[in-house]
């Protein structure tokens, strides 16, 4: 006589099934976490590239449209321009979306907590001044976050030299009468690859803004 017995899972089979389910859940969770991390990194990279392009576009527009403002209260009327290796100060008109108006601007990296930022300081030019502003208590705008370093380069001739001398690159600009022929900007973020080098040409004639220009000496001789 045969009995009606229903065969169930043994304890070993149940244990193996639970282990397989746990393994599949772990793999699925890891895959979802990896996908989420990849999405976040991609979104952060897209934001970083967008910020970089906007900043470089602003810098290109500002540097190529400089205003030849001179200190008329000083001998030989030097330009409002100060080119150093880690900062650059010049006069330009801000676009309307940035507030508009003519400002003396300085680009530099400024500390911010444990990180640093590429900042744009702005001061209103004093037309009766006898020295360029030092940007003490100047308004500042953040152009880019998490920037480790910015380096400026200047392509031009030595001070008091004529057109017969070949221009060269240097890390500072000493001539207060003439703008460099080219300006390079290298930005290094705290993480990731450096930005593509930006090279711009100031579109200003040497004698711009001067009442009396000595073409032989390449100097502004005042009124």
N, C-alpha and C. Protein backbone atom coordinates (compact mmCIF):
# COMPACT_ATOMS: atom_id res chain seq x y z
N UNK A 1 0.86 -1.19 0.00
CA UNK A 1 0.00 0.00 0.00
C UNK A 1 0.89 1.24 0.00
N UNK A 2 0.61 2.04 -0.93
CA UNK A 2 1.43 3.26 -1.04
C UNK A 2 0.73 4.40 -0.35
N UNK A 3 1.55 5.28 0.30
CA UNK A 3 1.00 6.43 1.02
C UNK A 3 1.09 7.69 0.20
N UNK A 4 0.14 8.56 0.46
CA UNK A 4 0.14 9.88 -0.18
C UNK A 4 1.01 10.82 0.62
N UNK A 5 2.31 10.88 0.29
CA UNK A 5 3.23 11.77 1.02
C UNK A 5 3.76 12.83 0.08
N UNK A 6 3.71 14.08 0.53
CA UNK A 6 4.23 15.19 -0.29
C UNK A 6 5.65 15.49 0.16
N UNK A 7 6.54 15.44 -0.81
CA UNK A 7 7.96 15.68 -0.52
C UNK A 7 8.22 17.18 -0.44
N UNK A 8 8.84 17.72 0.68
CA UNK A 8 9.17 19.13 0.85
C UNK A 8 10.67 19.38 0.67
N UNK A 9 11.06 20.67 0.91
CA UNK A 9 12.48 21.03 0.83
C UNK A 9 13.20 20.55 2.08
N UNK A 10 14.39 20.07 1.83
CA UNK A 10 15.22 19.74 2.99
C UNK A 10 15.87 21.01 3.51
N UNK A 11 16.41 20.96 4.70
CA UNK A 11 17.07 22.11 5.31
C UNK A 11 18.25 22.56 4.48
N UNK A 12 18.98 21.62 3.88
CA UNK A 12 20.13 21.95 3.06
C UNK A 12 19.71 22.71 1.80
N UNK A 13 18.64 22.24 1.16
CA UNK A 13 18.16 22.91 -0.06
C UNK A 13 17.68 24.33 0.26
N UNK A 14 16.98 24.47 1.37
CA UNK A 14 16.50 25.80 1.76
C UNK A 14 17.65 26.74 2.05
N UNK A 15 18.69 26.21 2.70
CA UNK A 15 19.87 27.04 3.00
C UNK A 15 20.56 27.49 1.72
N UNK A 16 20.71 26.56 0.76
CA UNK A 16 21.35 26.90 -0.52
C UNK A 16 20.53 27.94 -1.27
N UNK A 17 19.21 27.82 -1.26
CA UNK A 17 18.35 28.78 -1.94
C UNK A 17 18.48 30.17 -1.34
N UNK A 18 18.51 30.22 -0.01
CA UNK A 18 18.67 31.52 0.65
C UNK A 18 20.01 32.16 0.35
N UNK A 19 21.04 31.32 0.29
CA UNK A 19 22.37 31.85 -0.04
C UNK A 19 22.41 32.41 -1.46
N UNK A 20 21.79 31.69 -2.40
CA UNK A 20 21.75 32.17 -3.78
C UNK A 20 20.96 33.47 -3.89
N UNK A 21 19.83 33.55 -3.15
CA UNK A 21 19.04 34.78 -3.15
C UNK A 21 19.83 35.96 -2.59
N UNK A 22 20.58 35.71 -1.51
CA UNK A 22 21.40 36.77 -0.92
C UNK A 22 22.49 37.21 -1.88
N UNK A 23 23.09 36.23 -2.59
CA UNK A 23 24.15 36.56 -3.54
C UNK A 23 23.60 37.39 -4.69
N UNK A 24 22.43 37.02 -5.21
CA UNK A 24 21.83 37.77 -6.32
C UNK A 24 21.44 39.18 -5.88
N UNK A 25 20.94 39.31 -4.66
CA UNK A 25 20.58 40.64 -4.14
C UNK A 25 21.81 41.52 -3.99
N UNK A 26 22.91 40.90 -3.52
CA UNK A 26 24.15 41.66 -3.36
C UNK A 26 24.68 42.15 -4.69
N UNK A 27 24.65 41.27 -5.71
CA UNK A 27 25.11 41.66 -7.04
C UNK A 27 24.24 42.76 -7.61
N UNK A 28 22.91 42.62 -7.45
CA UNK A 28 21.99 43.64 -7.95
C UNK A 28 22.20 44.98 -7.26
N UNK A 29 22.40 44.96 -5.94
CA UNK A 29 22.63 46.20 -5.20
C UNK A 29 23.93 46.87 -5.65
N UNK A 30 24.98 46.05 -5.84
CA UNK A 30 26.25 46.59 -6.29
C UNK A 30 26.15 47.22 -7.67
N UNK A 31 25.37 46.56 -8.55
CA UNK A 31 25.19 47.10 -9.90
C UNK A 31 24.45 48.43 -9.88
N UNK A 32 23.40 48.50 -9.07
CA UNK A 32 22.63 49.74 -8.95
C UNK A 32 23.47 50.86 -8.33
N UNK A 33 24.28 50.51 -7.31
CA UNK A 33 25.14 51.52 -6.68
C UNK A 33 26.17 52.04 -7.66
N UNK A 34 26.76 51.12 -8.47
CA UNK A 34 27.75 51.52 -9.47
C UNK A 34 27.12 52.43 -10.52
N UNK A 35 25.90 52.09 -10.94
CA UNK A 35 25.20 52.91 -11.93
C UNK A 35 24.92 54.30 -11.37
N UNK A 36 24.48 54.36 -10.10
CA UNK A 36 24.20 55.65 -9.48
C UNK A 36 25.46 56.49 -9.34
N UNK A 37 26.58 55.83 -8.94
CA UNK A 37 27.84 56.56 -8.80
C UNK A 37 28.32 57.08 -10.15
N UNK A 38 28.19 56.23 -11.18
CA UNK A 38 28.61 56.64 -12.52
C UNK A 38 27.77 57.82 -13.00
N UNK A 39 26.46 57.78 -12.70
CA UNK A 39 25.57 58.88 -13.07
C UNK A 39 25.98 60.17 -12.38
N UNK A 40 26.27 60.06 -11.06
CA UNK A 40 26.67 61.25 -10.30
C UNK A 40 27.98 61.82 -10.83
N UNK A 41 28.95 60.92 -11.13
CA UNK A 41 30.23 61.40 -11.66
C UNK A 41 30.05 62.05 -13.02
N UNK A 42 29.20 61.45 -13.84
CA UNK A 42 28.95 62.03 -15.16
C UNK A 42 28.29 63.39 -15.06
N UNK A 43 27.32 63.51 -14.13
CA UNK A 43 26.64 64.79 -13.94
C UNK A 43 27.61 65.84 -13.42
N UNK A 44 28.49 65.44 -12.46
CA UNK A 44 29.48 66.38 -11.92
C UNK A 44 30.46 66.81 -13.01
N UNK A 45 30.85 65.86 -13.87
CA UNK A 45 31.78 66.18 -14.95
C UNK A 45 31.13 67.15 -15.94
N UNK A 46 29.86 66.90 -16.25
CA UNK A 46 29.15 67.79 -17.17
C UNK A 46 29.06 69.20 -16.60
N UNK A 47 28.77 69.29 -15.30
CA UNK A 47 28.69 70.61 -14.65
C UNK A 47 30.05 71.30 -14.67
N UNK A 48 31.12 70.53 -14.39
CA UNK A 48 32.47 71.10 -14.39
C UNK A 48 32.86 71.61 -15.77
N UNK A 49 32.55 70.84 -16.81
CA UNK A 49 32.88 71.26 -18.17
C UNK A 49 32.08 72.49 -18.56
N UNK A 50 30.80 72.52 -18.15
CA UNK A 50 29.98 73.69 -18.44
C UNK A 50 30.51 74.94 -17.76
N UNK A 51 30.91 74.82 -16.49
CA UNK A 51 31.48 75.96 -15.77
C UNK A 51 32.78 76.42 -16.43
N UNK A 52 33.60 75.44 -16.85
CA UNK A 52 34.87 75.78 -17.49
C UNK A 52 34.64 76.57 -18.77
N UNK A 53 33.70 76.13 -19.59
CA UNK A 53 33.45 76.80 -20.86
C UNK A 53 32.89 78.20 -20.64
N UNK A 54 31.98 78.35 -19.69
CA UNK A 54 31.43 79.67 -19.40
C UNK A 54 32.51 80.62 -18.89
N UNK A 55 33.39 80.10 -18.01
CA UNK A 55 34.46 80.94 -17.46
C UNK A 55 35.44 81.35 -18.54
N UNK A 56 35.84 80.41 -19.39
CA UNK A 56 36.80 80.73 -20.44
C UNK A 56 36.19 81.68 -21.46
N UNK A 57 34.90 81.54 -21.74
CA UNK A 57 34.24 82.46 -22.65
C UNK A 57 34.21 83.88 -22.07
N UNK A 58 33.93 83.98 -20.77
CA UNK A 58 33.94 85.29 -20.12
C UNK A 58 35.34 85.90 -20.16
N UNK A 59 36.36 85.10 -19.82
CA UNK A 59 37.73 85.61 -19.81
C UNK A 59 38.16 86.06 -21.21
N UNK A 60 37.81 85.28 -22.22
CA UNK A 60 38.18 85.66 -23.58
C UNK A 60 37.53 86.98 -23.97
N UNK A 61 36.25 87.13 -23.68
CA UNK A 61 35.56 88.36 -24.04
C UNK A 61 36.13 89.56 -23.28
N UNK A 62 36.41 89.37 -21.98
CA UNK A 62 36.90 90.49 -21.17
C UNK A 62 38.31 90.91 -21.59
N UNK A 63 39.19 89.94 -21.83
CA UNK A 63 40.58 90.26 -22.13
C UNK A 63 40.76 90.83 -23.54
N UNK A 64 39.90 90.43 -24.47
CA UNK A 64 40.02 90.95 -25.83
C UNK A 64 39.34 92.30 -25.99
N UNK A 65 38.56 92.71 -25.02
CA UNK A 65 37.85 94.00 -25.13
C UNK A 65 38.26 94.94 -23.99
N UNK A 66 39.55 94.91 -23.66
CA UNK A 66 40.03 95.79 -22.60
C UNK A 66 39.88 97.26 -23.01
N UNK A 67 39.72 98.10 -22.00
CA UNK A 67 39.59 99.53 -22.21
C UNK A 67 40.94 100.19 -21.87
N UNK A 68 41.49 101.01 -22.77
CA UNK A 68 42.80 101.62 -22.55
C UNK A 68 42.76 102.78 -21.58
N UNK A 69 42.42 102.50 -20.34
CA UNK A 69 42.32 103.56 -19.33
C UNK A 69 43.71 103.84 -18.77
N UNK A 70 44.06 105.12 -18.69
CA UNK A 70 45.37 105.52 -18.20
C UNK A 70 45.25 106.41 -16.97
N UNK A 71 46.29 106.40 -16.16
CA UNK A 71 46.37 107.27 -14.98
C UNK A 71 46.91 108.62 -15.42
N UNK A 72 46.03 109.56 -15.68
CA UNK A 72 46.44 110.84 -16.25
C UNK A 72 47.12 111.76 -15.24
N UNK A 73 47.08 111.40 -13.96
CA UNK A 73 47.74 112.21 -12.94
C UNK A 73 49.19 111.77 -12.70
N UNK A 74 49.65 110.76 -13.45
CA UNK A 74 51.01 110.26 -13.26
C UNK A 74 51.86 110.55 -14.49
N UNK A 75 53.17 110.60 -14.28
CA UNK A 75 54.10 110.87 -15.37
C UNK A 75 53.99 109.76 -16.41
N UNK A 76 53.98 110.14 -17.68
CA UNK A 76 53.89 109.23 -18.82
C UNK A 76 52.60 108.43 -18.87
N UNK A 77 51.64 108.73 -18.00
CA UNK A 77 50.30 108.16 -18.06
C UNK A 77 50.30 106.65 -18.27
N UNK A 78 50.68 105.88 -17.26
CA UNK A 78 50.69 104.42 -17.41
C UNK A 78 49.28 103.85 -17.50
N UNK A 79 49.19 102.66 -18.06
CA UNK A 79 47.91 101.97 -18.19
C UNK A 79 47.47 101.34 -16.87
N UNK A 80 46.18 101.20 -16.72
CA UNK A 80 45.63 100.39 -15.63
C UNK A 80 45.82 98.92 -16.02
N UNK A 81 46.99 98.41 -15.83
CA UNK A 81 47.27 97.01 -16.18
C UNK A 81 48.41 96.51 -15.31
N UNK A 82 48.19 95.36 -14.68
CA UNK A 82 49.22 94.77 -13.83
C UNK A 82 49.25 93.26 -14.08
N UNK A 83 50.28 92.81 -14.77
CA UNK A 83 50.37 91.41 -15.12
C UNK A 83 51.40 90.67 -14.28
N UNK A 84 50.93 89.77 -13.42
CA UNK A 84 51.81 88.93 -12.61
C UNK A 84 51.59 87.47 -13.00
N UNK A 85 52.42 86.60 -12.43
CA UNK A 85 52.31 85.19 -12.78
C UNK A 85 51.04 84.55 -12.22
N UNK A 86 50.57 85.03 -11.06
CA UNK A 86 49.41 84.42 -10.43
C UNK A 86 48.20 85.35 -10.34
N UNK A 87 48.28 86.53 -10.95
CA UNK A 87 47.13 87.44 -10.96
C UNK A 87 47.26 88.37 -12.16
N UNK A 88 46.11 88.90 -12.56
CA UNK A 88 46.07 89.80 -13.71
C UNK A 88 45.02 90.87 -13.44
N UNK A 89 45.41 92.14 -13.55
CA UNK A 89 44.50 93.25 -13.33
C UNK A 89 44.44 94.12 -14.58
N UNK A 90 43.23 94.50 -14.97
CA UNK A 90 43.04 95.26 -16.20
C UNK A 90 41.68 95.95 -16.13
N UNK A 91 41.42 96.84 -17.08
CA UNK A 91 40.15 97.55 -17.13
C UNK A 91 39.32 96.99 -18.28
N UNK A 92 38.05 96.71 -17.99
CA UNK A 92 37.14 96.22 -19.02
C UNK A 92 35.71 96.56 -18.61
N UNK A 93 34.83 96.50 -19.58
CA UNK A 93 33.41 96.72 -19.33
C UNK A 93 32.75 95.36 -19.12
N UNK A 94 32.06 95.20 -18.01
CA UNK A 94 31.35 93.95 -17.75
C UNK A 94 30.12 93.85 -18.64
N UNK A 95 29.76 92.65 -19.07
CA UNK A 95 28.54 92.50 -19.86
C UNK A 95 27.30 92.86 -19.04
N UNK A 96 26.20 93.12 -19.73
CA UNK A 96 24.98 93.57 -19.06
C UNK A 96 24.48 92.53 -18.06
N UNK A 97 24.60 91.23 -18.41
CA UNK A 97 24.12 90.19 -17.51
C UNK A 97 24.96 90.08 -16.24
N UNK A 98 26.17 90.65 -16.26
CA UNK A 98 27.02 90.65 -15.07
C UNK A 98 26.95 91.97 -14.32
N UNK A 99 26.04 92.84 -14.70
CA UNK A 99 25.87 94.11 -13.99
C UNK A 99 26.24 95.32 -14.80
N UNK A 100 27.07 95.13 -15.85
CA UNK A 100 27.47 96.24 -16.70
C UNK A 100 28.40 97.22 -16.00
N UNK A 101 28.87 98.22 -16.74
CA UNK A 101 29.75 99.24 -16.17
C UNK A 101 31.21 98.94 -16.43
N UNK A 102 32.04 99.97 -16.32
CA UNK A 102 33.48 99.85 -16.51
C UNK A 102 34.16 99.68 -15.16
N UNK A 103 35.00 98.65 -15.03
CA UNK A 103 35.65 98.34 -13.76
C UNK A 103 37.13 98.03 -13.97
N UNK A 104 37.88 98.27 -12.91
CA UNK A 104 39.24 97.76 -12.83
C UNK A 104 39.12 96.37 -12.21
N UNK A 105 39.53 95.33 -12.95
CA UNK A 105 39.28 93.94 -12.58
C UNK A 105 40.58 93.23 -12.23
N UNK A 106 40.49 92.27 -11.32
CA UNK A 106 41.65 91.43 -11.01
C UNK A 106 41.23 89.97 -10.94
N UNK A 107 41.92 89.15 -11.69
CA UNK A 107 41.72 87.71 -11.67
C UNK A 107 42.78 87.06 -10.80
N UNK A 108 42.37 86.19 -9.87
CA UNK A 108 43.32 85.52 -8.99
C UNK A 108 42.60 84.36 -8.29
N UNK A 109 43.38 83.45 -7.73
CA UNK A 109 42.82 82.36 -6.92
C UNK A 109 42.81 82.81 -5.47
N UNK A 110 41.67 82.68 -4.81
CA UNK A 110 41.52 83.08 -3.42
C UNK A 110 41.13 81.88 -2.57
N UNK A 111 41.69 81.75 -1.35
CA UNK A 111 41.33 80.62 -0.48
C UNK A 111 39.87 80.70 -0.05
N UNK A 112 39.27 79.53 0.13
CA UNK A 112 37.89 79.45 0.60
C UNK A 112 37.75 78.18 1.44
N UNK A 113 37.89 78.32 2.77
CA UNK A 113 37.85 77.15 3.64
C UNK A 113 39.03 76.24 3.35
N UNK A 114 38.73 74.97 3.10
CA UNK A 114 39.78 73.99 2.78
C UNK A 114 40.08 73.95 1.29
N UNK A 115 39.38 74.76 0.50
CA UNK A 115 39.59 74.75 -0.94
C UNK A 115 39.97 76.16 -1.39
N UNK A 116 39.87 76.41 -2.69
CA UNK A 116 40.16 77.74 -3.23
C UNK A 116 39.30 77.95 -4.47
N UNK A 117 39.17 79.23 -4.84
CA UNK A 117 38.31 79.60 -5.95
C UNK A 117 39.02 80.56 -6.89
N UNK A 118 38.63 80.50 -8.15
CA UNK A 118 39.05 81.53 -9.10
C UNK A 118 38.08 82.68 -8.98
N UNK A 119 38.59 83.85 -8.59
CA UNK A 119 37.72 84.98 -8.29
C UNK A 119 38.00 86.16 -9.22
N UNK A 120 37.00 86.99 -9.35
CA UNK A 120 37.11 88.24 -10.11
C UNK A 120 36.77 89.37 -9.15
N UNK A 121 37.79 90.17 -8.79
CA UNK A 121 37.57 91.34 -7.94
C UNK A 121 37.39 92.56 -8.83
N UNK A 122 36.55 93.48 -8.40
CA UNK A 122 36.30 94.65 -9.24
C UNK A 122 36.25 95.92 -8.37
N UNK A 123 36.86 96.95 -8.92
CA UNK A 123 36.87 98.26 -8.26
C UNK A 123 36.56 99.32 -9.30
N UNK A 124 35.88 100.36 -8.88
CA UNK A 124 35.55 101.46 -9.80
C UNK A 124 36.80 102.32 -9.99
N UNK A 125 37.24 102.53 -11.22
CA UNK A 125 38.44 103.33 -11.46
C UNK A 125 38.28 104.77 -10.96
N UNK A 126 39.34 105.29 -10.38
CA UNK A 126 39.37 106.68 -9.92
C UNK A 126 40.15 107.47 -10.96
N UNK A 127 39.47 108.31 -11.70
CA UNK A 127 40.11 109.03 -12.80
C UNK A 127 41.08 110.11 -12.31
N UNK A 128 41.04 110.43 -11.03
CA UNK A 128 41.97 111.41 -10.48
C UNK A 128 43.05 110.73 -9.64
N UNK A 129 43.16 109.42 -9.72
CA UNK A 129 44.10 108.68 -8.87
C UNK A 129 45.54 108.86 -9.35
N UNK A 130 46.47 108.69 -8.43
CA UNK A 130 47.90 108.72 -8.76
C UNK A 130 48.53 107.34 -8.59
N UNK A 131 47.70 106.32 -8.32
CA UNK A 131 48.17 104.94 -8.21
C UNK A 131 47.00 104.02 -8.49
N UNK A 132 47.29 102.83 -8.96
CA UNK A 132 46.23 101.88 -9.26
C UNK A 132 45.63 101.35 -7.96
N UNK A 133 44.35 100.99 -7.95
CA UNK A 133 43.72 100.47 -6.73
C UNK A 133 44.38 99.17 -6.28
N UNK A 134 44.33 98.91 -4.97
CA UNK A 134 44.90 97.67 -4.44
C UNK A 134 43.83 96.62 -4.14
N UNK A 135 42.58 96.90 -4.51
CA UNK A 135 41.46 95.97 -4.37
C UNK A 135 41.14 95.64 -2.91
N UNK A 136 41.53 96.50 -1.98
CA UNK A 136 41.14 96.33 -0.59
C UNK A 136 39.63 96.55 -0.47
N UNK A 137 38.94 95.59 0.12
CA UNK A 137 37.49 95.64 0.30
C UNK A 137 36.74 95.71 -1.03
N UNK A 138 37.36 95.18 -2.11
CA UNK A 138 36.69 95.19 -3.41
C UNK A 138 35.62 94.10 -3.47
N UNK A 139 34.61 94.33 -4.30
CA UNK A 139 33.61 93.30 -4.54
C UNK A 139 34.25 92.14 -5.27
N UNK A 140 33.80 90.93 -4.95
CA UNK A 140 34.36 89.75 -5.59
C UNK A 140 33.26 88.84 -6.09
N UNK A 141 33.51 88.24 -7.25
CA UNK A 141 32.61 87.24 -7.81
C UNK A 141 33.40 85.95 -8.01
N UNK A 142 32.74 84.82 -7.83
CA UNK A 142 33.39 83.52 -8.01
C UNK A 142 33.18 83.06 -9.45
N UNK A 143 34.28 82.83 -10.17
CA UNK A 143 34.21 82.35 -11.53
C UNK A 143 34.21 80.82 -11.59
N UNK A 144 34.93 80.18 -10.66
CA UNK A 144 35.01 78.71 -10.65
C UNK A 144 35.43 78.24 -9.27
N UNK A 145 34.83 77.16 -8.81
CA UNK A 145 35.16 76.56 -7.52
C UNK A 145 36.25 75.50 -7.68
N UNK A 146 36.87 75.15 -6.54
CA UNK A 146 37.85 74.05 -6.48
C UNK A 146 38.97 74.24 -7.50
N UNK A 147 39.57 75.42 -7.48
CA UNK A 147 40.70 75.73 -8.38
C UNK A 147 41.98 75.80 -7.54
N UNK A 148 42.95 74.98 -7.90
CA UNK A 148 44.20 74.94 -7.14
C UNK A 148 45.14 76.08 -7.52
N UNK A 149 45.18 76.42 -8.81
CA UNK A 149 46.17 77.41 -9.25
C UNK A 149 45.75 78.00 -10.59
N UNK A 150 46.11 79.25 -10.80
CA UNK A 150 45.97 79.88 -12.11
C UNK A 150 47.30 80.54 -12.44
N UNK A 151 47.75 80.36 -13.68
CA UNK A 151 49.03 80.91 -14.12
C UNK A 151 48.79 81.74 -15.38
N UNK A 152 49.38 82.96 -15.37
CA UNK A 152 49.27 83.85 -16.52
C UNK A 152 50.62 83.97 -17.22
N UNK A 153 50.58 84.04 -18.53
CA UNK A 153 51.78 84.26 -19.32
C UNK A 153 51.58 85.44 -20.26
N UNK A 154 52.67 86.13 -20.59
CA UNK A 154 52.58 87.35 -21.39
C UNK A 154 53.60 87.28 -22.53
N UNK A 155 53.12 87.51 -23.74
CA UNK A 155 53.97 87.45 -24.92
C UNK A 155 54.16 88.86 -25.45
N UNK A 156 55.41 89.33 -25.44
CA UNK A 156 55.68 90.67 -25.91
C UNK A 156 57.17 90.98 -25.85
N UNK A 157 57.48 92.24 -26.09
CA UNK A 157 58.88 92.67 -26.11
C UNK A 157 59.28 93.28 -24.76
N UNK A 158 60.57 93.36 -24.53
CA UNK A 158 61.07 93.95 -23.30
C UNK A 158 60.73 95.44 -23.26
N UNK A 159 60.67 95.95 -22.05
CA UNK A 159 60.38 97.37 -21.86
C UNK A 159 61.40 98.23 -22.58
N UNK A 160 60.94 99.29 -23.24
CA UNK A 160 61.77 100.26 -23.98
C UNK A 160 62.41 99.68 -25.24
N UNK A 161 62.04 98.46 -25.63
CA UNK A 161 62.60 97.90 -26.86
C UNK A 161 61.71 98.27 -28.04
N UNK A 162 62.27 98.22 -29.25
CA UNK A 162 61.49 98.58 -30.44
C UNK A 162 61.07 97.31 -31.19
N UNK A 163 60.44 97.53 -32.34
CA UNK A 163 59.88 96.40 -33.08
C UNK A 163 60.94 95.48 -33.66
N UNK A 164 62.20 95.90 -33.64
CA UNK A 164 63.27 95.04 -34.16
C UNK A 164 63.56 93.88 -33.21
N UNK A 165 63.20 94.02 -31.96
CA UNK A 165 63.42 92.95 -30.99
C UNK A 165 62.28 91.92 -31.06
N UNK A 166 62.66 90.66 -31.02
CA UNK A 166 61.67 89.59 -31.12
C UNK A 166 60.90 89.45 -29.80
N UNK A 167 59.60 89.32 -29.85
CA UNK A 167 58.82 89.13 -28.61
C UNK A 167 59.03 87.73 -28.05
N UNK A 168 58.90 87.60 -26.75
CA UNK A 168 59.05 86.31 -26.07
C UNK A 168 57.97 86.17 -25.00
N UNK A 169 57.81 84.94 -24.50
CA UNK A 169 56.89 84.69 -23.40
C UNK A 169 57.59 84.96 -22.08
N UNK A 170 56.87 85.54 -21.11
CA UNK A 170 57.39 85.75 -19.77
C UNK A 170 56.23 85.62 -18.78
N UNK A 171 56.58 85.45 -17.48
CA UNK A 171 55.54 85.21 -16.48
C UNK A 171 55.08 86.48 -15.77
N UNK A 172 55.54 87.65 -16.20
CA UNK A 172 55.06 88.92 -15.66
C UNK A 172 55.24 89.99 -16.73
N UNK A 173 54.54 91.10 -16.56
CA UNK A 173 54.59 92.16 -17.55
C UNK A 173 55.03 93.45 -16.88
N UNK A 174 56.17 93.99 -17.35
CA UNK A 174 56.79 95.15 -16.71
C UNK A 174 56.48 96.48 -17.39
N UNK A 175 56.06 96.44 -18.65
CA UNK A 175 55.89 97.68 -19.40
C UNK A 175 54.54 98.31 -19.09
N UNK A 176 54.51 99.48 -18.43
CA UNK A 176 53.24 100.11 -18.08
C UNK A 176 52.61 100.89 -19.23
N UNK A 177 53.29 100.95 -20.38
CA UNK A 177 52.82 101.76 -21.49
C UNK A 177 52.14 100.94 -22.60
N UNK A 178 52.51 99.69 -22.74
CA UNK A 178 52.02 98.85 -23.82
C UNK A 178 51.50 97.54 -23.26
N UNK A 179 50.38 97.09 -23.78
CA UNK A 179 49.87 95.79 -23.39
C UNK A 179 50.66 94.68 -24.09
N UNK A 180 50.72 93.50 -23.51
CA UNK A 180 51.38 92.39 -24.19
C UNK A 180 50.65 92.04 -25.48
N UNK A 181 51.37 91.42 -26.40
CA UNK A 181 50.74 91.01 -27.66
C UNK A 181 49.75 89.88 -27.45
N UNK A 182 50.08 88.97 -26.54
CA UNK A 182 49.21 87.84 -26.22
C UNK A 182 49.20 87.62 -24.71
N UNK A 183 48.12 87.08 -24.21
CA UNK A 183 48.01 86.70 -22.80
C UNK A 183 47.52 85.26 -22.73
N UNK A 184 48.23 84.42 -21.98
CA UNK A 184 47.81 83.03 -21.80
C UNK A 184 47.30 82.82 -20.38
N UNK A 185 46.30 81.95 -20.24
CA UNK A 185 45.72 81.64 -18.94
C UNK A 185 45.67 80.12 -18.79
N UNK A 186 46.33 79.61 -17.74
CA UNK A 186 46.31 78.18 -17.45
C UNK A 186 45.65 77.99 -16.09
N UNK A 187 44.59 77.19 -16.06
CA UNK A 187 43.84 76.95 -14.84
C UNK A 187 43.96 75.49 -14.44
N UNK A 188 44.40 75.24 -13.20
CA UNK A 188 44.54 73.88 -12.68
C UNK A 188 43.53 73.65 -11.56
N UNK A 189 42.52 72.80 -11.79
CA UNK A 189 41.56 72.49 -10.72
C UNK A 189 42.19 71.60 -9.65
N UNK A 190 41.55 71.53 -8.49
CA UNK A 190 42.09 70.69 -7.42
C UNK A 190 42.01 69.21 -7.78
N UNK A 191 41.03 68.82 -8.57
CA UNK A 191 40.92 67.45 -9.05
C UNK A 191 40.65 67.48 -10.54
N UNK A 192 41.09 66.44 -11.22
CA UNK A 192 40.85 66.36 -12.65
C UNK A 192 41.96 67.01 -13.46
N UNK A 193 41.78 66.97 -14.76
CA UNK A 193 42.79 67.48 -15.69
C UNK A 193 42.77 69.00 -15.75
N UNK A 194 43.91 69.62 -16.08
CA UNK A 194 43.94 71.08 -16.26
C UNK A 194 43.00 71.51 -17.38
N UNK A 195 42.52 72.74 -17.28
CA UNK A 195 41.70 73.28 -18.36
C UNK A 195 42.56 73.48 -19.60
N UNK A 196 41.94 73.45 -20.79
CA UNK A 196 42.70 73.80 -22.00
C UNK A 196 43.25 75.22 -21.88
N UNK A 197 44.47 75.39 -22.33
CA UNK A 197 45.09 76.72 -22.22
C UNK A 197 44.31 77.73 -23.05
N UNK A 198 44.08 78.89 -22.44
CA UNK A 198 43.40 79.99 -23.12
C UNK A 198 44.44 81.03 -23.52
N UNK A 199 44.48 81.38 -24.80
CA UNK A 199 45.39 82.41 -25.30
C UNK A 199 44.56 83.46 -26.02
N UNK A 200 44.69 84.71 -25.59
CA UNK A 200 43.90 85.80 -26.17
C UNK A 200 44.82 86.92 -26.61
N UNK A 201 44.32 87.72 -27.53
CA UNK A 201 45.06 88.88 -28.06
C UNK A 201 44.32 90.15 -27.72
N UNK A 202 44.87 90.99 -26.85
CA UNK A 202 44.22 92.29 -26.58
C UNK A 202 44.18 93.13 -27.85
N UNK A 203 43.00 93.57 -28.22
CA UNK A 203 42.85 94.31 -29.48
C UNK A 203 42.88 95.81 -29.22
N UNK A 204 44.04 96.28 -28.75
CA UNK A 204 44.20 97.69 -28.43
C UNK A 204 45.51 98.19 -29.03
N UNK A 205 45.45 99.31 -29.74
CA UNK A 205 46.67 99.91 -30.28
C UNK A 205 47.54 100.42 -29.13
N UNK A 206 48.87 100.43 -29.30
CA UNK A 206 49.75 100.88 -28.21
C UNK A 206 49.45 102.29 -27.72
N UNK A 207 49.07 103.18 -28.64
CA UNK A 207 48.87 104.58 -28.27
C UNK A 207 47.47 104.86 -27.76
N UNK A 208 46.63 103.85 -27.65
CA UNK A 208 45.24 104.06 -27.23
C UNK A 208 45.18 104.67 -25.83
N UNK A 209 44.34 105.66 -25.68
CA UNK A 209 44.14 106.29 -24.38
C UNK A 209 45.16 107.33 -24.01
N UNK A 210 46.13 107.56 -24.89
CA UNK A 210 47.19 108.54 -24.60
C UNK A 210 46.95 109.81 -25.41
N UNK A 211 47.14 110.95 -24.77
CA UNK A 211 46.93 112.23 -25.46
C UNK A 211 48.08 112.55 -26.42
N UNK A 212 49.30 112.12 -26.07
CA UNK A 212 50.46 112.38 -26.93
C UNK A 212 51.38 111.17 -26.87
N UNK A 213 51.54 110.49 -27.99
CA UNK A 213 52.30 109.25 -28.04
C UNK A 213 53.59 109.44 -28.82
N UNK A 214 54.73 109.01 -28.23
CA UNK A 214 56.03 109.07 -28.89
C UNK A 214 56.27 107.72 -29.56
N UNK A 215 56.12 107.69 -30.89
CA UNK A 215 56.26 106.43 -31.63
C UNK A 215 57.70 105.93 -31.63
N UNK A 216 58.68 106.80 -31.50
CA UNK A 216 60.08 106.38 -31.48
C UNK A 216 60.43 105.65 -30.18
N UNK A 217 59.87 106.12 -29.07
CA UNK A 217 60.18 105.52 -27.77
C UNK A 217 59.09 104.57 -27.29
N UNK A 218 57.98 104.50 -28.04
CA UNK A 218 56.83 103.71 -27.59
C UNK A 218 56.41 104.11 -26.19
N UNK A 219 56.25 105.41 -26.01
CA UNK A 219 55.91 105.94 -24.70
C UNK A 219 54.85 107.03 -24.81
N UNK A 220 54.00 107.08 -23.78
CA UNK A 220 53.03 108.16 -23.67
C UNK A 220 53.74 109.33 -22.99
N UNK A 221 53.74 110.48 -23.65
CA UNK A 221 54.46 111.63 -23.12
C UNK A 221 53.51 112.69 -22.58
N UNK A 222 52.28 112.29 -22.33
CA UNK A 222 51.33 113.20 -21.69
C UNK A 222 50.64 114.11 -22.68
N UNK A 223 50.35 115.30 -22.23
CA UNK A 223 49.58 116.25 -23.04
C UNK A 223 50.44 116.89 -24.10
